[in-house]
């Protein structure tokens, strides 16, 4: 729930809160809602939400190492999806290893 608040609601509400705080400090409590630029504040809020989502998509998440195993149904129960670590690469036994004397020169 906190992730939803931080990634969606906070960036959207931030321009409104900043504007109302500015107006409150500058007008000393006179009516605030009369000349509020709702459209501009909404566009700025949407831009902040989009920027937050793009930054989470580019810089967030886990490392992409391993193989994803989707949820499955085994022995009458659901096994949740998980990431299996990558298998270690085993060199082919038929290929010569580096520095092997059997290589033609």
PDB file of N, CA and C in Angstrom:
ATOM      1  N   UNK A   1       0.809  -1.191   0.000  1.00  0.00           N
ATOM      2  CA  UNK A   1       0.000   0.000   0.000  1.00  0.00           C
ATOM      3  C   UNK A   1       0.856   1.259   0.000  1.00  0.00           C
ATOM      4  N   UNK A   2       1.964   1.230   0.743  1.00  0.00           N
ATOM      5  CA  UNK A   2       2.855   2.383   0.797  1.00  0.00           C
ATOM      6  C   UNK A   2       3.483   2.649  -0.565  1.00  0.00           C
ATOM      7  N   UNK A   3       3.774   1.590  -1.301  1.00  0.00           N
ATOM      8  CA  UNK A   3       4.343   1.746  -2.642  1.00  0.00           C
ATOM      9  C   UNK A   3       3.371   2.474  -3.563  1.00  0.00           C
ATOM     10  N   UNK A   4       2.089   2.164  -3.450  1.00  0.00           N
ATOM     11  CA  UNK A   4       1.078   2.836  -4.265  1.00  0.00           C
ATOM     12  C   UNK A   4       1.025   4.322  -3.912  1.00  0.00           C
ATOM     13  N   UNK A   5       1.067   4.626  -2.626  1.00  0.00           N
ATOM     14  CA  UNK A   5       1.018   6.021  -2.199  1.00  0.00           C
ATOM     15  C   UNK A   5       2.238   6.772  -2.709  1.00  0.00           C
ATOM     16  N   UNK A   6       3.419   6.178  -2.577  1.00  0.00           N
ATOM     17  CA  UNK A   6       4.648   6.853  -2.990  1.00  0.00           C
ATOM     18  C   UNK A   6       4.738   6.992  -4.500  1.00  0.00           C
ATOM     19  N   UNK A   7       4.330   5.979  -5.232  1.00  0.00           N
ATOM     20  CA  UNK A   7       4.540   6.023  -6.677  1.00  0.00           C
ATOM     21  C   UNK A   7       3.392   6.657  -7.450  1.00  0.00           C
ATOM     22  N   UNK A   8       2.192   6.747  -6.909  1.00  0.00           N
ATOM     23  CA  UNK A   8       1.066   7.316  -7.654  1.00  0.00           C
ATOM     24  C   UNK A   8       0.512   8.579  -6.999  1.00  0.00           C
ATOM     25  N   UNK A   9       0.122   8.472  -5.747  1.00  0.00           N
ATOM     26  CA  UNK A   9      -0.578   9.579  -5.104  1.00  0.00           C
ATOM     27  C   UNK A   9       0.337  10.744  -4.738  1.00  0.00           C
ATOM     28  N   UNK A  10       1.493  10.479  -4.171  1.00  0.00           N
ATOM     29  CA  UNK A  10       2.383  11.548  -3.741  1.00  0.00           C
ATOM     30  C   UNK A  10       2.841  12.430  -4.905  1.00  0.00           C
ATOM     31  N   UNK A  11       3.315  11.878  -6.034  1.00  0.00           N
ATOM     32  CA  UNK A  11       3.700  12.763  -7.139  1.00  0.00           C
ATOM     33  C   UNK A  11       2.531  13.557  -7.704  1.00  0.00           C
ATOM     34  N   UNK A  12       1.337  13.010  -7.657  1.00  0.00           N
ATOM     35  CA  UNK A  12       0.188  13.732  -8.191  1.00  0.00           C
ATOM     36  C   UNK A  12      -0.259  14.855  -7.263  1.00  0.00           C
ATOM     37  N   UNK A  13      -0.237  14.625  -5.965  1.00  0.00           N
ATOM     38  CA  UNK A  13      -0.717  15.604  -4.996  1.00  0.00           C
ATOM     39  C   UNK A  13       0.337  16.676  -4.694  1.00  0.00           C
ATOM     40  N   UNK A  14       1.605  16.395  -4.944  1.00  0.00           N
ATOM     41  CA  UNK A  14       2.685  17.318  -4.617  1.00  0.00           C
ATOM     42  C   UNK A  14       2.511  18.712  -5.223  1.00  0.00           C
ATOM     43  N   UNK A  15       2.191  18.881  -6.518  1.00  0.00           N
ATOM     44  CA  UNK A  15       2.013  20.247  -7.041  1.00  0.00           C
ATOM     45  C   UNK A  15       0.842  20.996  -6.385  1.00  0.00           C
ATOM     46  N   UNK A  16      -0.235  20.277  -6.072  1.00  0.00           N
ATOM     47  CA  UNK A  16      -1.367  20.910  -5.403  1.00  0.00           C
ATOM     48  C   UNK A  16      -0.962  21.401  -4.014  1.00  0.00           C
ATOM     49  N   UNK A  17      -0.258  20.556  -3.276  1.00  0.00           N
ATOM     50  CA  UNK A  17       0.157  20.930  -1.923  1.00  0.00           C
ATOM     51  C   UNK A  17       1.124  22.118  -1.957  1.00  0.00           C
ATOM     52  N   UNK A  18       2.060  22.095  -2.919  1.00  0.00           N
ATOM     53  CA  UNK A  18       3.008  23.206  -3.025  1.00  0.00           C
ATOM     54  C   UNK A  18       2.292  24.503  -3.389  1.00  0.00           C
ATOM     55  N   UNK A  19       1.333  24.443  -4.301  1.00  0.00           N
ATOM     56  CA  UNK A  19       0.603  25.640  -4.703  1.00  0.00           C
ATOM     57  C   UNK A  19      -0.213  26.192  -3.539  1.00  0.00           C
ATOM     58  N   UNK A  20      -0.937  25.322  -2.841  1.00  0.00           N
ATOM     59  CA  UNK A  20      -1.763  25.802  -1.730  1.00  0.00           C
ATOM     60  C   UNK A  20      -0.900  26.344  -0.599  1.00  0.00           C
ATOM     61  N   UNK A  21       0.248  25.759  -0.352  1.00  0.00           N
ATOM     62  CA  UNK A  21       1.151  26.288   0.673  1.00  0.00           C
ATOM     63  C   UNK A  21       1.671  27.662   0.253  1.00  0.00           C
ATOM     64  N   UNK A  22       2.034  27.812  -1.007  1.00  0.00           N
ATOM     65  CA  UNK A  22       2.486  29.101  -1.524  1.00  0.00           C
ATOM     66  C   UNK A  22       1.380  30.148  -1.395  1.00  0.00           C
ATOM     67  N   UNK A  23       0.171  29.798  -1.827  1.00  0.00           N
ATOM     68  CA  UNK A  23      -0.941  30.756  -1.754  1.00  0.00           C
ATOM     69  C   UNK A  23      -1.272  31.096  -0.302  1.00  0.00           C
ATOM     70  N   UNK A  24      -1.194  30.135   0.576  1.00  0.00           N
ATOM     71  CA  UNK A  24      -1.496  30.399   1.987  1.00  0.00           C
ATOM     72  C   UNK A  24      -0.478  31.368   2.573  1.00  0.00           C
ATOM     73  N   UNK A  25       0.786  31.176   2.235  1.00  0.00           N
ATOM     74  CA  UNK A  25       1.824  32.060   2.759  1.00  0.00           C
ATOM     75  C   UNK A  25       1.750  33.458   2.141  1.00  0.00           C
ATOM     76  N   UNK A  26       1.369  33.557   0.886  1.00  0.00           N
ATOM     77  CA  UNK A  26       1.347  34.850   0.204  1.00  0.00           C
ATOM     78  C   UNK A  26       0.064  35.645   0.457  1.00  0.00           C
ATOM     79  N   UNK A  27      -1.034  34.978   0.694  1.00  0.00           N
ATOM     80  CA  UNK A  27      -2.306  35.697   0.858  1.00  0.00           C
ATOM     81  C   UNK A  27      -2.771  35.769   2.299  1.00  0.00           C
ATOM     82  N   UNK A  28      -2.043  35.212   3.193  1.00  0.00           N
ATOM     83  CA  UNK A  28      -2.374  35.238   4.624  1.00  0.00           C
ATOM     84  C   UNK A  28      -3.769  34.705   4.914  1.00  0.00           C
ATOM     85  N   UNK A  29      -4.160  33.602   4.248  1.00  0.00           N
ATOM     86  CA  UNK A  29      -5.407  32.934   4.567  1.00  0.00           C
ATOM     87  C   UNK A  29      -6.627  33.438   3.832  1.00  0.00           C
ATOM     88  N   UNK A  30      -6.477  34.285   2.834  1.00  0.00           N
ATOM     89  CA  UNK A  30      -7.628  34.703   2.037  1.00  0.00           C
ATOM     90  C   UNK A  30      -8.126  33.495   1.255  1.00  0.00           C
ATOM     91  N   UNK A  31      -9.343  33.572   0.688  1.00  0.00           N
ATOM     92  CA  UNK A  31      -9.886  32.405  -0.025  1.00  0.00           C
ATOM     93  C   UNK A  31      -8.918  31.855  -1.078  1.00  0.00           C
ATOM     94  N   UNK A  32      -8.651  30.556  -1.001  1.00  0.00           N
ATOM     95  CA  UNK A  32      -7.649  29.930  -1.870  1.00  0.00           C
ATOM     96  C   UNK A  32      -8.242  29.347  -3.147  1.00  0.00           C
ATOM     97  N   UNK A  33      -9.482  28.914  -3.110  1.00  0.00           N
ATOM     98  CA  UNK A  33     -10.029  28.151  -4.228  1.00  0.00           C
ATOM     99  C   UNK A  33     -10.573  29.009  -5.363  1.00  0.00           C
ATOM    100  N   UNK A  34     -10.659  30.301  -5.177  1.00  0.00           N
ATOM    101  CA  UNK A  34     -11.280  31.146  -6.180  1.00  0.00           C
ATOM    102  C   UNK A  34     -10.496  31.183  -7.493  1.00  0.00           C
ATOM    103  N   UNK A  35      -9.198  31.317  -7.425  1.00  0.00           N
ATOM    104  CA  UNK A  35      -8.402  31.455  -8.651  1.00  0.00           C
ATOM    105  C   UNK A  35      -7.340  30.358  -8.722  1.00  0.00           C
ATOM    106  N   UNK A  36      -7.699  29.159  -8.494  1.00  0.00           N
ATOM    107  CA  UNK A  36      -6.769  28.034  -8.516  1.00  0.00           C
ATOM    108  C   UNK A  36      -6.658  27.473  -9.934  1.00  0.00           C
ATOM    109  N   UNK A  37      -5.434  27.348 -10.461  1.00  0.00           N
ATOM    110  CA  UNK A  37      -5.247  26.793 -11.811  1.00  0.00           C
ATOM    111  C   UNK A  37      -5.304  25.259 -11.789  1.00  0.00           C
ATOM    112  N   UNK A  38      -6.499  24.697 -11.685  1.00  0.00           N
ATOM    113  CA  UNK A  38      -6.673  23.255 -11.538  1.00  0.00           C
ATOM    114  C   UNK A  38      -6.062  22.486 -12.703  1.00  0.00           C
ATOM    115  N   UNK A  39      -6.272  22.943 -13.920  1.00  0.00           N
ATOM    116  CA  UNK A  39      -5.773  22.215 -15.095  1.00  0.00           C
ATOM    117  C   UNK A  39      -4.249  22.142 -15.088  1.00  0.00           C
ATOM    118  N   UNK A  40      -3.595  23.246 -14.827  1.00  0.00           N
ATOM    119  CA  UNK A  40      -2.130  23.270 -14.815  1.00  0.00           C
ATOM    120  C   UNK A  40      -1.589  22.371 -13.708  1.00  0.00           C
ATOM    121  N   UNK A  41      -2.182  22.440 -12.545  1.00  0.00           N
ATOM    122  CA  UNK A  41      -1.742  21.585 -11.438  1.00  0.00           C
ATOM    123  C   UNK A  41      -1.953  20.108 -11.758  1.00  0.00           C
ATOM    124  N   UNK A  42      -3.058  19.782 -12.423  1.00  0.00           N
ATOM    125  CA  UNK A  42      -3.313  18.385 -12.804  1.00  0.00           C
ATOM    126  C   UNK A  42      -2.301  17.891 -13.829  1.00  0.00           C
ATOM    127  N   UNK A  43      -1.979  18.730 -14.803  1.00  0.00           N
ATOM    128  CA  UNK A  43      -0.999  18.333 -15.819  1.00  0.00           C
ATOM    129  C   UNK A  43       0.378  18.133 -15.188  1.00  0.00           C
ATOM    130  N   UNK A  44       0.776  19.025 -14.300  1.00  0.00           N
ATOM    131  CA  UNK A  44       2.064  18.876 -13.616  1.00  0.00           C
ATOM    132  C   UNK A  44       2.069  17.601 -12.771  1.00  0.00           C
ATOM    133  N   UNK A  45       0.960  17.328 -12.074  1.00  0.00           N
ATOM    134  CA  UNK A  45       0.860  16.104 -11.272  1.00  0.00           C
ATOM    135  C   UNK A  45       0.947  14.853 -12.119  1.00  0.00           C
ATOM    136  N   UNK A  46       0.258  14.847 -13.261  1.00  0.00           N
ATOM    137  CA  UNK A  46       0.321  13.697 -14.175  1.00  0.00           C
ATOM    138  C   UNK A  46       1.736  13.508 -14.725  1.00  0.00           C
ATOM    139  N   UNK A  47       2.420  14.607 -15.024  1.00  0.00           N
ATOM    140  CA  UNK A  47       3.795  14.512 -15.512  1.00  0.00           C
ATOM    141  C   UNK A  47       4.714  13.930 -14.440  1.00  0.00           C
ATOM    142  N   UNK A  48       4.510  14.323 -13.196  1.00  0.00           N
ATOM    143  CA  UNK A  48       5.318  13.749 -12.112  1.00  0.00           C
ATOM    144  C   UNK A  48       5.035  12.262 -11.922  1.00  0.00           C
ATOM    145  N   UNK A  49       3.779  11.855 -12.021  1.00  0.00           N
ATOM    146  CA  UNK A  49       3.432  10.431 -11.918  1.00  0.00           C
ATOM    147  C   UNK A  49       4.077   9.655 -13.060  1.00  0.00           C
ATOM    148  N   UNK A  50       3.984  10.186 -14.287  1.00  0.00           N
ATOM    149  CA  UNK A  50       4.599   9.502 -15.436  1.00  0.00           C
ATOM    150  C   UNK A  50       6.110   9.401 -15.263  1.00  0.00           C
ATOM    151  N   UNK A  51       6.729  10.469 -14.789  1.00  0.00           N
ATOM    152  CA  UNK A  51       8.175  10.430 -14.546  1.00  0.00           C
ATOM    153  C   UNK A  51       8.552   9.417 -13.482  1.00  0.00           C
ATOM    154  N   UNK A  52       7.743   9.319 -12.438  1.00  0.00           N
ATOM    155  CA  UNK A  52       7.995   8.337 -11.378  1.00  0.00           C
ATOM    156  C   UNK A  52       7.885   6.918 -11.923  1.00  0.00           C
ATOM    157  N   UNK A  53       6.847   6.647 -12.707  1.00  0.00           N
ATOM    158  CA  UNK A  53       6.664   5.305 -13.257  1.00  0.00           C
ATOM    159  C   UNK A  53       7.782   4.948 -14.230  1.00  0.00           C
ATOM    160  N   UNK A  54       8.212   5.888 -15.044  1.00  0.00           N
ATOM    161  CA  UNK A  54       9.314   5.629 -15.978  1.00  0.00           C
ATOM    162  C   UNK A  54      10.600   5.366 -15.206  1.00  0.00           C
ATOM    163  N   UNK A  55      10.866   6.152 -14.173  1.00  0.00           N
ATOM    164  CA  UNK A  55      12.094   5.929 -13.399  1.00  0.00           C
ATOM    165  C   UNK A  55      12.060   4.587 -12.677  1.00  0.00           C
ATOM    166  N   UNK A  56      10.897   4.172 -12.159  1.00  0.00           N
ATOM    167  CA  UNK A  56      10.802   2.855 -11.542  1.00  0.00           C
ATOM    168  C   UNK A  56      11.023   1.753 -12.568  1.00  0.00           C
ATOM    169  N   UNK A  57      10.512   1.937 -13.768  1.00  0.00           N
ATOM    170  CA  UNK A  57      10.668   0.923 -14.810  1.00  0.00           C
ATOM    171  C   UNK A  57      12.124   0.809 -15.245  1.00  0.00           C
ATOM    172  N   UNK A  58      12.826   1.917 -15.316  1.00  0.00           N
ATOM    173  CA  UNK A  58      14.209   1.886 -15.798  1.00  0.00           C
ATOM    174  C   UNK A  58      15.214   1.494 -14.718  1.00  0.00           C
ATOM    175  N   UNK A  59      15.009   1.977 -13.510  1.00  0.00           N
ATOM    176  CA  UNK A  59      16.020   1.794 -12.476  1.00  0.00           C
ATOM    177  C   UNK A  59      15.607   0.875 -11.343  1.00  0.00           C
ATOM    178  N   UNK A  60      14.362   0.439 -11.290  1.00  0.00           N
ATOM    179  CA  UNK A  60      13.892  -0.388 -10.185  1.00  0.00           C
ATOM    180  C   UNK A  60      13.877  -1.859 -10.550  1.00  0.00           C
ATOM    181  N   UNK A  61      13.416  -2.653  -9.616  1.00  0.00           N
ATOM    182  CA  UNK A  61      13.280  -4.082  -9.877  1.00  0.00           C
ATOM    183  C   UNK A  61      14.512  -4.877  -9.487  1.00  0.00           C
ATOM    184  N   UNK A  62      14.402  -6.142  -9.693  1.00  0.00           N
ATOM    185  CA  UNK A  62      15.487  -7.043  -9.349  1.00  0.00           C
ATOM    186  C   UNK A  62      16.371  -7.292 -10.562  1.00  0.00           C
ATOM    187  N   UNK A  63      17.519  -7.873 -10.312  1.00  0.00           N
ATOM    188  CA  UNK A  63      18.425  -8.221 -11.399  1.00  0.00           C
ATOM    189  C   UNK A  63      17.771  -9.285 -12.280  1.00  0.00           C
ATOM    190  N   UNK A  64      18.065  -9.256 -13.533  1.00  0.00           N
ATOM    191  CA  UNK A  64      17.451 -10.178 -14.482  1.00  0.00           C
ATOM    192  C   UNK A  64      18.275 -11.455 -14.645  1.00  0.00           C
ATOM    193  N   UNK A  65      18.934 -11.885 -13.630  1.00  0.00           N
ATOM    194  CA  UNK A  65      19.714 -13.113 -13.687  1.00  0.00           C
ATOM    195  C   UNK A  65      18.836 -14.274 -13.261  1.00  0.00           C
ATOM    196  N   UNK A  66      18.947 -15.366 -13.964  1.00  0.00           N
ATOM    197  CA  UNK A  66      18.166 -16.541 -13.624  1.00  0.00           C
ATOM    198  C   UNK A  66      17.046 -16.774 -14.601  1.00  0.00           C
ATOM    199  N   UNK A  67      16.297 -17.835 -14.323  1.00  0.00           N
ATOM    200  CA  UNK A  67      15.196 -18.247 -15.185  1.00  0.00           C
ATOM    201  C   UNK A  67      13.915 -18.173 -14.379  1.00  0.00           C
ATOM    202  N   UNK A  68      12.895 -17.480 -14.911  1.00  0.00           N
ATOM    203  CA  UNK A  68      11.617 -17.379 -14.221  1.00  0.00           C
ATOM    204  C   UNK A  68      10.830 -18.670 -14.412  1.00  0.00           C
ATOM    205  N   UNK A  69      10.371 -19.219 -13.318  1.00  0.00           N
ATOM    206  CA  UNK A  69       9.527 -20.415 -13.332  1.00  0.00           C
ATOM    207  C   UNK A  69       8.124 -19.967 -12.931  1.00  0.00           C
ATOM    208  N   UNK A  70       7.147 -20.052 -13.840  1.00  0.00           N
ATOM    209  CA  UNK A  70       5.797 -19.561 -13.529  1.00  0.00           C
ATOM    210  C   UNK A  70       5.114 -20.430 -12.475  1.00  0.00           C
ATOM    211  N   UNK A  71       4.043 -19.938 -11.862  1.00  0.00           N
ATOM    212  CA  UNK A  71       3.303 -20.745 -10.891  1.00  0.00           C
ATOM    213  C   UNK A  71       2.811 -22.036 -11.543  1.00  0.00           C
ATOM    214  N   UNK A  72       2.799 -23.084 -10.745  1.00  0.00           N
ATOM    215  CA  UNK A  72       2.357 -24.377 -11.278  1.00  0.00           C
ATOM    216  C   UNK A  72       1.508 -25.092 -10.232  1.00  0.00           C
ATOM    217  N   UNK A  73       0.811 -26.108 -10.687  1.00  0.00           N
ATOM    218  CA  UNK A  73      -0.059 -26.899  -9.838  1.00  0.00           C
ATOM    219  C   UNK A  73       0.584 -28.261  -9.663  1.00  0.00           C
ATOM    220  N   UNK A  74       1.086 -28.554  -8.449  1.00  0.00           N
ATOM    221  CA  UNK A  74       1.774 -29.824  -8.179  1.00  0.00           C
ATOM    222  C   UNK A  74       1.205 -30.451  -6.907  1.00  0.00           C
ATOM    223  N   UNK A  75       0.904 -31.712  -6.975  1.00  0.00           N
ATOM    224  CA  UNK A  75       0.429 -32.488  -5.822  1.00  0.00           C
ATOM    225  C   UNK A  75      -0.762 -31.828  -5.126  1.00  0.00           C
ATOM    226  N   UNK A  76      -1.677 -31.268  -5.888  1.00  0.00           N
ATOM    227  CA  UNK A  76      -2.881 -30.691  -5.320  1.00  0.00           C
ATOM    228  C   UNK A  76      -2.705 -29.322  -4.700  1.00  0.00           C
ATOM    229  N   UNK A  77      -1.556 -28.678  -4.887  1.00  0.00           N
ATOM    230  CA  UNK A  77      -1.354 -27.333  -4.347  1.00  0.00           C
ATOM    231  C   UNK A  77      -0.687 -26.461  -5.400  1.00  0.00           C
ATOM    232  N   UNK A  78      -0.830 -25.163  -5.242  1.00  0.00           N
ATOM    233  CA  UNK A  78      -0.242 -24.209  -6.174  1.00  0.00           C
ATOM    234  C   UNK A  78       1.139 -23.821  -5.670  1.00  0.00           C
ATOM    235  N   UNK A  79       2.138 -24.036  -6.505  1.00  0.00           N
ATOM    236  CA  UNK A  79       3.503 -23.637  -6.190  1.00  0.00           C
ATOM    237  C   UNK A  79       3.701 -22.247  -6.804  1.00  0.00           C
ATOM    238  N   UNK A  80       4.028 -21.243  -5.994  1.00  0.00           N
ATOM    239  CA  UNK A  80       4.144 -19.883  -6.529  1.00  0.00           C
ATOM    240  C   UNK A  80       5.308 -19.752  -7.507  1.00  0.00           C
ATOM    241  N   UNK A  81       5.205 -18.752  -8.372  1.00  0.00           N
ATOM    242  CA  UNK A  81       6.275 -18.488  -9.320  1.00  0.00           C
ATOM    243  C   UNK A  81       7.524 -18.012  -8.598  1.00  0.00           C
ATOM    244  N   UNK A  82       8.669 -18.303  -9.173  1.00  0.00           N
ATOM    245  CA  UNK A  82       9.936 -17.900  -8.562  1.00  0.00           C
ATOM    246  C   UNK A  82      10.999 -17.795  -9.648  1.00  0.00           C
ATOM    247  N   UNK A  83      12.149 -17.240  -9.283  1.00  0.00           N
ATOM    248  CA  UNK A  83      13.277 -17.132 -10.206  1.00  0.00           C
ATOM    249  C   UNK A  83      14.313 -18.152  -9.784  1.00  0.00           C
ATOM    250  N   UNK A  84      14.614 -19.063 -10.700  1.00  0.00           N
ATOM    251  CA  UNK A  84      15.626 -20.084 -10.432  1.00  0.00           C
ATOM    252  C   UNK A  84      16.977 -19.519 -10.831  1.00  0.00           C
ATOM    253  N   UNK A  85      18.017 -19.696 -10.001  1.00  0.00           N
ATOM    254  CA  UNK A  85      19.337 -19.180 -10.352  1.00  0.00           C
ATOM    255  C   UNK A  85      19.820 -19.797 -11.663  1.00  0.00           C
ATOM    256  N   UNK A  86      20.626 -19.063 -12.424  1.00  0.00           N
ATOM    257  CA  UNK A  86      21.113 -19.609 -13.691  1.00  0.00           C
ATOM    258  C   UNK A  86      22.017 -20.812 -13.449  1.00  0.00           C
ATOM    259  N   UNK A  87      21.961 -21.750 -14.369  1.00  0.00           N
ATOM    260  CA  UNK A  87      22.823 -22.919 -14.262  1.00  0.00           C
ATOM    261  C   UNK A  87      24.232 -22.533 -14.668  1.00  0.00           C
ATOM    262  N   UNK A  88      25.211 -23.084 -13.975  1.00  0.00           N
ATOM    263  CA  UNK A  88      26.599 -22.803 -14.322  1.00  0.00           C
ATOM    264  C   UNK A  88      26.903 -23.440 -15.670  1.00  0.00           C
ATOM    265  N   UNK A  89      27.598 -22.697 -16.508  1.00  0.00           N
ATOM    266  CA  UNK A  89      27.930 -23.222 -17.828  1.00  0.00           C
ATOM    267  C   UNK A  89      29.028 -24.276 -17.697  1.00  0.00           C
ATOM    268  N   UNK A  90      28.754 -25.446 -18.216  1.00  0.00           N
ATOM    269  CA  UNK A  90      29.709 -26.541 -18.185  1.00  0.00           C
ATOM    270  C   UNK A  90      30.371 -26.611 -19.555  1.00  0.00           C
ATOM    271  N   UNK A  91      31.700 -26.583 -19.620  1.00  0.00           N
ATOM    272  CA  UNK A  91      32.350 -26.641 -20.927  1.00  0.00           C
ATOM    273  C   UNK A  91      32.107 -27.993 -21.598  1.00  0.00           C
ATOM    274  N   UNK A  92      31.976 -27.959 -22.918  1.00  0.00           N
ATOM    275  CA  UNK A  92      31.758 -29.163 -23.702  1.00  0.00           C
ATOM    276  C   UNK A  92      32.994 -30.050 -23.602  1.00  0.00           C
ATOM    277  N   UNK A  93      32.794 -31.343 -23.300  1.00  0.00           N
ATOM    278  CA  UNK A  93      33.936 -32.246 -23.113  1.00  0.00           C
ATOM    279  C   UNK A  93      34.680 -32.508 -24.419  1.00  0.00           C
ATOM    280  N   UNK A  94      34.002 -32.369 -25.551  1.00  0.00           N
ATOM    281  CA  UNK A  94      34.646 -32.622 -26.828  1.00  0.00           C
ATOM    282  C   UNK A  94      35.494 -31.465 -27.307  1.00  0.00           C
ATOM    283  N   UNK A  95      35.272 -30.276 -26.775  1.00  0.00           N
ATOM    284  CA  UNK A  95      36.044 -29.106 -27.205  1.00  0.00           C
ATOM    285  C   UNK A  95      37.328 -29.029 -26.407  1.00  0.00           C
ATOM    286  N   UNK A  96      38.413 -28.658 -27.067  1.00  0.00           N
ATOM    287  CA  UNK A  96      39.684 -28.520 -26.344  1.00  0.00           C
ATOM    288  C   UNK A  96      39.656 -27.303 -25.433  1.00  0.00           C
ATOM    289  N   UNK A  97      40.288 -27.423 -24.277  1.00  0.00           N
ATOM    290  CA  UNK A  97      40.352 -26.328 -23.331  1.00  0.00           C
ATOM    291  C   UNK A  97      41.433 -25.342 -23.772  1.00  0.00           C
ATOM    292  N   UNK A  98      41.438 -24.154 -23.246  1.00  0.00           N
ATOM    293  CA  UNK A  98      42.444 -23.166 -23.593  1.00  0.00           C
ATOM    294  C   UNK A  98      43.827 -23.667 -23.166  1.00  0.00           C
ATOM    295  N   UNK A  99      44.792 -23.517 -24.042  1.00  0.00           N
ATOM    296  CA  UNK A  99      46.149 -23.942 -23.724  1.00  0.00           C
ATOM    297  C   UNK A  99      46.347 -25.438 -23.846  1.00  0.00           C
ATOM    298  N   UNK A 100      45.418 -26.177 -24.449  1.00  0.00           N
ATOM    299  CA  UNK A 100      45.539 -27.635 -24.599  1.00  0.00           C
ATOM    300  C   UNK A 100      46.571 -27.942 -25.671  1.00  0.00           C
ATOM    301  N   UNK A 101      47.421 -28.897 -25.423  1.00  0.00           N
ATOM    302  CA  UNK A 101      48.504 -29.248 -26.349  1.00  0.00           C
ATOM    303  C   UNK A 101      47.989 -29.970 -27.579  1.00  0.00           C
ATOM    304  N   UNK A 102      46.753 -30.408 -27.601  1.00  0.00           N
ATOM    305  CA  UNK A 102      46.240 -31.157 -28.727  1.00  0.00           C
ATOM    306  C   UNK A 102      45.790 -30.268 -29.874  1.00  0.00           C
ATOM    307  N   UNK A 103      45.864 -28.944 -29.720  1.00  0.00           N
ATOM    308  CA  UNK A 103      45.470 -28.051 -30.781  1.00  0.00           C
ATOM    309  C   UNK A 103      46.509 -28.060 -31.894  1.00  0.00           C
ATOM    310  N   UNK A 104      46.063 -28.062 -33.155  1.00  0.00           N
ATOM    311  CA  UNK A 104      47.027 -27.996 -34.257  1.00  0.00           C
ATOM    312  C   UNK A 104      47.660 -26.620 -34.320  1.00  0.00           C
ATOM    313  N   UNK A 105      48.970 -26.650 -34.673  1.00  0.00           N
ATOM    314  CA  UNK A 105      49.704 -25.380 -34.734  1.00  0.00           C
ATOM    315  C   UNK A 105      50.173 -25.072 -36.096  1.00  0.00           C
TER     316      UNK A 105
END
